[in-house]
PDB file of all heavy atoms in Angstrom:
ATOM      1  N   ALA A   1      -8.125   4.564  18.119  1.00  0.00           N
ATOM      2  CA  ALA A   1      -6.844   5.102  18.127  1.00  0.00           C
ATOM      3  C   ALA A   1      -6.880   6.648  18.123  1.00  0.00           C
ATOM      4  O   ALA A   1      -7.697   7.307  17.507  1.00  0.00           O
ATOM      5  CB  ALA A   1      -6.070   4.554  16.983  1.00  0.00           C
ATOM      6  N   PRO A   2      -5.913   7.268  18.809  1.00  0.00           N
ATOM      7  CA  PRO A   2      -5.845   8.757  18.815  1.00  0.00           C
ATOM      8  C   PRO A   2      -5.555   9.226  17.490  1.00  0.00           C
ATOM      9  O   PRO A   2      -4.866   8.507  16.576  1.00  0.00           O
ATOM     10  CB  PRO A   2      -4.723   9.003  19.827  1.00  0.00           C
ATOM     11  CG  PRO A   2      -3.949   7.829  19.865  1.00  0.00           C
ATOM     12  CD  PRO A   2      -4.805   6.693  19.662  1.00  0.00           C
ATOM     13  N   PRO A   3      -5.855  10.426  17.080  1.00  0.00           N
ATOM     14  CA  PRO A   3      -5.622  11.016  15.745  1.00  0.00           C
ATOM     15  C   PRO A   3      -4.210  10.843  15.257  1.00  0.00           C
ATOM     16  O   PRO A   3      -3.870  10.612  14.149  1.00  0.00           O
ATOM     17  CB  PRO A   3      -6.010  12.448  15.855  1.00  0.00           C
ATOM     18  CG  PRO A   3      -6.974  12.443  16.916  1.00  0.00           C
ATOM     19  CD  PRO A   3      -6.486  11.390  17.945  1.00  0.00           C
ATOM     20  N   SER A   4      -3.247  10.974  16.271  1.00  0.00           N
ATOM     21  CA  SER A   4      -1.838  10.856  15.838  1.00  0.00           C
ATOM     22  C   SER A   4      -1.359   9.479  15.391  1.00  0.00           C
ATOM     23  O   SER A   4      -0.442   9.305  14.747  1.00  0.00           O
ATOM     24  CB  SER A   4      -0.956  11.307  16.974  1.00  0.00           C
ATOM     25  OG  SER A   4      -1.150  10.478  18.088  1.00  0.00           O
ATOM     26  N   ALA A   5      -2.236   8.495  15.714  1.00  0.00           N
ATOM     27  CA  ALA A   5      -1.943   7.069  15.416  1.00  0.00           C
ATOM     28  C   ALA A   5      -2.480   6.726  14.021  1.00  0.00           C
ATOM     29  O   ALA A   5      -2.192   5.670  13.503  1.00  0.00           O
ATOM     30  CB  ALA A   5      -2.459   6.149  16.493  1.00  0.00           C
ATOM     31  N   VAL A   6      -3.331   7.613  13.394  1.00  0.00           N
ATOM     32  CA  VAL A   6      -3.793   7.218  12.099  1.00  0.00           C
ATOM     33  C   VAL A   6      -2.718   7.428  11.102  1.00  0.00           C
ATOM     34  O   VAL A   6      -1.950   8.368  11.068  1.00  0.00           O
ATOM     35  CB  VAL A   6      -4.989   8.240  11.736  1.00  0.00           C
ATOM     36  CG1 VAL A   6      -5.500   7.988  10.421  1.00  0.00           C
ATOM     37  CG2 VAL A   6      -6.116   8.096  12.796  1.00  0.00           C
ATOM     38  N   SER A   7      -2.640   6.523  10.172  1.00  0.00           N
ATOM     39  CA  SER A   7      -1.643   6.409   9.159  1.00  0.00           C
ATOM     40  C   SER A   7      -1.720   7.584   8.176  1.00  0.00           C
ATOM     41  O   SER A   7      -2.947   8.042   7.875  1.00  0.00           O
ATOM     42  CB  SER A   7      -1.616   5.117   8.382  1.00  0.00           C
ATOM     43  OG  SER A   7      -1.413   4.106   9.146  1.00  0.00           O
ATOM     44  N   ALA A   8      -0.672   8.234   7.809  1.00  0.00           N
ATOM     45  CA  ALA A   8      -0.652   9.379   6.798  1.00  0.00           C
ATOM     46  C   ALA A   8      -1.063   8.756   5.474  1.00  0.00           C
ATOM     47  O   ALA A   8      -0.859   7.542   5.198  1.00  0.00           O
ATOM     48  CB  ALA A   8       0.657   9.994   6.726  1.00  0.00           C
ATOM     49  N   PRO A   9      -1.742   9.559   4.614  1.00  0.00           N
ATOM     50  CA  PRO A   9      -1.994   9.143   3.294  1.00  0.00           C
ATOM     51  C   PRO A   9      -0.815   8.589   2.517  1.00  0.00           C
ATOM     52  O   PRO A   9       0.241   9.071   2.636  1.00  0.00           O
ATOM     53  CB  PRO A   9      -2.597  10.309   2.547  1.00  0.00           C
ATOM     54  CG  PRO A   9      -2.979  11.242   3.694  1.00  0.00           C
ATOM     55  CD  PRO A   9      -2.038  10.991   4.810  1.00  0.00           C
ATOM     56  N   ALA A  10      -1.017   7.509   1.820  1.00  0.00           N
ATOM     57  CA  ALA A  10       0.136   6.837   1.172  1.00  0.00           C
ATOM     58  C   ALA A  10       0.625   7.747  -0.115  1.00  0.00           C
ATOM     59  O   ALA A  10      -0.302   8.417  -0.627  1.00  0.00           O
ATOM     60  CB  ALA A  10      -0.229   5.485   0.564  1.00  0.00           C
ATOM     61  N   SER A  11       1.876   7.802  -0.323  1.00  0.00           N
ATOM     62  CA  SER A  11       2.360   8.540  -1.445  1.00  0.00           C
ATOM     63  C   SER A  11       2.126   7.747  -2.729  1.00  0.00           C
ATOM     64  O   SER A  11       1.724   6.594  -2.674  1.00  0.00           O
ATOM     65  CB  SER A  11       3.877   8.715  -1.295  1.00  0.00           C
ATOM     66  OG  SER A  11       4.567   7.503  -1.378  1.00  0.00           O
ATOM     67  N   ALA A  12       2.273   8.436  -3.846  1.00  0.00           N
ATOM     68  CA  ALA A  12       2.157   7.772  -5.119  1.00  0.00           C
ATOM     69  C   ALA A  12       3.104   6.467  -5.307  1.00  0.00           C
ATOM     70  O   ALA A  12       2.672   5.534  -5.807  1.00  0.00           O
ATOM     71  CB  ALA A  12       2.355   8.742  -6.259  1.00  0.00           C
ATOM     72  N   ALA A  13       4.295   6.677  -4.814  1.00  0.00           N
ATOM     73  CA  ALA A  13       5.208   5.645  -4.827  1.00  0.00           C
ATOM     74  C   ALA A  13       4.802   4.454  -3.995  1.00  0.00           C
ATOM     75  O   ALA A  13       4.935   3.236  -4.372  1.00  0.00           O
ATOM     76  CB  ALA A  13       6.593   6.085  -4.402  1.00  0.00           C
ATOM     77  N   ASP A  14       4.241   4.786  -2.786  1.00  0.00           N
ATOM     78  CA  ASP A  14       3.689   3.656  -1.921  1.00  0.00           C
ATOM     79  C   ASP A  14       2.581   2.901  -2.610  1.00  0.00           C
ATOM     80  O   ASP A  14       2.516   1.717  -2.433  1.00  0.00           O
ATOM     81  CB  ASP A  14       3.302   4.245  -0.556  1.00  0.00           C
ATOM     82  CG  ASP A  14       4.464   4.728   0.221  1.00  0.00           C
ATOM     83  OD1 ASP A  14       5.607   4.267  -0.045  1.00  0.00           O
ATOM     84  OD2 ASP A  14       4.254   5.626   1.160  1.00  0.00           O
ATOM     85  N   ARG A  15       1.700   3.775  -3.174  1.00  0.00           N
ATOM     86  CA  ARG A  15       0.545   3.058  -3.830  1.00  0.00           C
ATOM     87  C   ARG A  15       0.998   2.222  -5.061  1.00  0.00           C
ATOM     88  O   ARG A  15       0.512   1.079  -5.249  1.00  0.00           O
ATOM     89  CB  ARG A  15      -0.457   4.088  -4.390  1.00  0.00           C
ATOM     90  CG  ARG A  15      -1.251   4.817  -3.194  1.00  0.00           C
ATOM     91  CD  ARG A  15      -2.382   5.633  -3.779  1.00  0.00           C
ATOM     92  NE  ARG A  15      -1.992   6.646  -4.713  1.00  0.00           N
ATOM     93  CZ  ARG A  15      -1.730   7.901  -4.352  1.00  0.00           C
ATOM     94  NH1 ARG A  15      -1.826   8.275  -2.941  1.00  0.00           N
ATOM     95  NH2 ARG A  15      -1.415   8.750  -5.238  1.00  0.00           N
ATOM     96  N   ALA A  16       2.009   2.745  -5.739  1.00  0.00           N
ATOM     97  CA  ALA A  16       2.519   1.960  -6.907  1.00  0.00           C
ATOM     98  C   ALA A  16       3.171   0.591  -6.464  1.00  0.00           C
ATOM     99  O   ALA A  16       2.922  -0.328  -7.022  1.00  0.00           O
ATOM    100  CB  ALA A  16       3.572   2.761  -7.717  1.00  0.00           C
ATOM    101  N   ALA A  17       3.918   0.762  -5.385  1.00  0.00           N
ATOM    102  CA  ALA A  17       4.612  -0.414  -4.822  1.00  0.00           C
ATOM    103  C   ALA A  17       3.517  -1.483  -4.327  1.00  0.00           C
ATOM    104  O   ALA A  17       3.703  -2.701  -4.471  1.00  0.00           O
ATOM    105  CB  ALA A  17       5.524  -0.088  -3.715  1.00  0.00           C
ATOM    106  N   SER A  18       2.480  -0.992  -3.722  1.00  0.00           N
ATOM    107  CA  SER A  18       1.383  -1.906  -3.152  1.00  0.00           C
ATOM    108  C   SER A  18       0.721  -2.535  -4.327  1.00  0.00           C
ATOM    109  O   SER A  18       0.409  -3.706  -4.361  1.00  0.00           O
ATOM    110  CB  SER A  18       0.392  -1.069  -2.392  1.00  0.00           C
ATOM    111  OG  SER A  18      -0.748  -1.935  -2.016  1.00  0.00           O
ATOM    112  N   ASP A  19       0.395  -1.750  -5.470  1.00  0.00           N
ATOM    113  CA  ASP A  19      -0.210  -2.295  -6.604  1.00  0.00           C
ATOM    114  C   ASP A  19       0.691  -3.382  -7.281  1.00  0.00           C
ATOM    115  O   ASP A  19       0.084  -4.420  -7.704  1.00  0.00           O
ATOM    116  CB  ASP A  19      -0.486  -1.248  -7.697  1.00  0.00           C
ATOM    117  CG  ASP A  19      -1.635  -0.285  -7.191  1.00  0.00           C
ATOM    118  OD1 ASP A  19      -2.274  -0.602  -6.236  1.00  0.00           O
ATOM    119  OD2 ASP A  19      -1.767   0.857  -7.821  1.00  0.00           O
ATOM    120  N   ARG A  20       1.968  -3.111  -7.336  1.00  0.00           N
ATOM    121  CA  ARG A  20       2.900  -4.117  -7.928  1.00  0.00           C
ATOM    122  C   ARG A  20       2.863  -5.356  -7.095  1.00  0.00           C
ATOM    123  O   ARG A  20       2.877  -6.477  -7.695  1.00  0.00           O
ATOM    124  CB  ARG A  20       4.327  -3.565  -8.011  1.00  0.00           C
ATOM    125  CG  ARG A  20       4.490  -2.573  -9.167  1.00  0.00           C
ATOM    126  CD  ARG A  20       6.042  -2.291  -9.414  1.00  0.00           C
ATOM    127  NE  ARG A  20       6.696  -1.785  -8.326  1.00  0.00           N
ATOM    128  CZ  ARG A  20       6.735  -0.542  -8.033  1.00  0.00           C
ATOM    129  NH1 ARG A  20       6.188   0.342  -8.873  1.00  0.00           N
ATOM    130  NH2 ARG A  20       7.433  -0.050  -7.029  1.00  0.00           N
ATOM    131  N   ALA A  21       2.819  -5.252  -5.783  1.00  0.00           N
ATOM    132  CA  ALA A  21       2.836  -6.374  -4.877  1.00  0.00           C
ATOM    133  C   ALA A  21       1.567  -7.259  -5.095  1.00  0.00           C
ATOM    134  O   ALA A  21       1.628  -8.464  -5.134  1.00  0.00           O
ATOM    135  CB  ALA A  21       2.950  -5.934  -3.405  1.00  0.00           C
ATOM    136  N   VAL A  22       0.375  -6.558  -5.232  1.00  0.00           N
ATOM    137  CA  VAL A  22      -0.881  -7.252  -5.492  1.00  0.00           C
ATOM    138  C   VAL A  22      -0.707  -8.049  -6.758  1.00  0.00           C
ATOM    139  O   VAL A  22      -1.153  -9.192  -6.857  1.00  0.00           O
ATOM    140  CB  VAL A  22      -1.984  -6.276  -5.410  1.00  0.00           C
ATOM    141  CG1 VAL A  22      -3.219  -6.967  -5.961  1.00  0.00           C
ATOM    142  CG2 VAL A  22      -2.246  -5.708  -4.128  1.00  0.00           C
ATOM    143  N   LEU A  23      -0.285  -7.338  -7.830  1.00  0.00           N
ATOM    144  CA  LEU A  23      -0.198  -7.937  -9.211  1.00  0.00           C
ATOM    145  C   LEU A  23       0.816  -9.109  -9.117  1.00  0.00           C
ATOM    146  O   LEU A  23       0.558 -10.171  -9.752  1.00  0.00           O
ATOM    147  CB  LEU A  23       0.233  -6.933 -10.246  1.00  0.00           C
ATOM    148  CG  LEU A  23      -0.727  -5.854 -10.568  1.00  0.00           C
ATOM    149  CD1 LEU A  23      -0.097  -4.774 -11.511  1.00  0.00           C
ATOM    150  CD2 LEU A  23      -1.907  -6.459 -11.211  1.00  0.00           C
ATOM    151  N   ASP A  24       1.902  -9.012  -8.343  1.00  0.00           N
ATOM    152  CA  ASP A  24       2.822 -10.089  -8.294  1.00  0.00           C
ATOM    153  C   ASP A  24       2.230 -11.297  -7.586  1.00  0.00           C
ATOM    154  O   ASP A  24       2.326 -12.401  -8.088  1.00  0.00           O
ATOM    155  CB  ASP A  24       4.098  -9.650  -7.436  1.00  0.00           C
ATOM    156  CG  ASP A  24       5.027  -8.697  -8.212  1.00  0.00           C
ATOM    157  OD1 ASP A  24       4.778  -8.633  -9.536  1.00  0.00           O
ATOM    158  OD2 ASP A  24       5.841  -8.028  -7.642  1.00  0.00           O
ATOM    159  N   ARG A  25       1.486 -11.136  -6.499  1.00  0.00           N
ATOM    160  CA  ARG A  25       0.844 -12.175  -5.830  1.00  0.00           C
ATOM    161  C   ARG A  25      -0.179 -12.869  -6.794  1.00  0.00           C
ATOM    162  O   ARG A  25      -0.336 -14.104  -6.857  1.00  0.00           O
ATOM    163  CB  ARG A  25       0.191 -11.707  -4.592  1.00  0.00           C
ATOM    164  CG  ARG A  25       1.190 -11.367  -3.411  1.00  0.00           C
ATOM    165  CD  ARG A  25       0.439 -11.298  -2.182  1.00  0.00           C
ATOM    166  NE  ARG A  25      -0.579 -10.293  -2.129  1.00  0.00           N
ATOM    167  CZ  ARG A  25      -0.262  -8.940  -1.739  1.00  0.00           C
ATOM    168  NH1 ARG A  25       0.927  -8.659  -1.423  1.00  0.00           N
ATOM    169  NH2 ARG A  25      -1.180  -8.142  -1.774  1.00  0.00           N
ATOM    170  N   ALA A  26      -0.974 -12.032  -7.423  1.00  0.00           N
ATOM    171  CA  ALA A  26      -1.994 -12.616  -8.364  1.00  0.00           C
ATOM    172  C   ALA A  26      -1.345 -13.370  -9.490  1.00  0.00           C
ATOM    173  O   ALA A  26      -1.868 -14.429  -9.929  1.00  0.00           O
ATOM    174  CB  ALA A  26      -2.901 -11.452  -8.908  1.00  0.00           C
ATOM    175  N   GLY A  27      -0.230 -12.821 -10.068  1.00  0.00           N
ATOM    176  CA  GLY A  27       0.506 -13.521 -11.098  1.00  0.00           C
ATOM    177  C   GLY A  27       1.057 -14.879 -10.575  1.00  0.00           C
ATOM    178  O   GLY A  27       0.940 -15.952 -11.288  1.00  0.00           O
ATOM    179  N   ALA A  28       1.608 -14.880  -9.448  1.00  0.00           N
ATOM    180  CA  ALA A  28       2.164 -16.158  -8.821  1.00  0.00           C
ATOM    181  C   ALA A  28       1.060 -17.182  -8.619  1.00  0.00           C
ATOM    182  O   ALA A  28       1.155 -18.295  -8.932  1.00  0.00           O
ATOM    183  CB  ALA A  28       2.908 -15.782  -7.601  1.00  0.00           C
ATOM    184  N   SER A  29      -0.062 -16.685  -8.114  1.00  0.00           N
ATOM    185  CA  SER A  29      -1.224 -17.565  -7.920  1.00  0.00           C
ATOM    186  C   SER A  29      -1.730 -18.223  -9.280  1.00  0.00           C
ATOM    187  O   SER A  29      -2.046 -19.303  -9.343  1.00  0.00           O
ATOM    188  CB  SER A  29      -2.433 -16.802  -7.244  1.00  0.00           C
ATOM    189  OG  SER A  29      -3.453 -17.747  -7.016  1.00  0.00           O
TER     190      SER A  29
END
């Protein structure tokens, strides 16, 4: 992919939301 297509670093809020989603899935499992 060209450099412009590379995703920007995730913000702290994005990382926190991703972590919560992982924990939610693990908890449900």
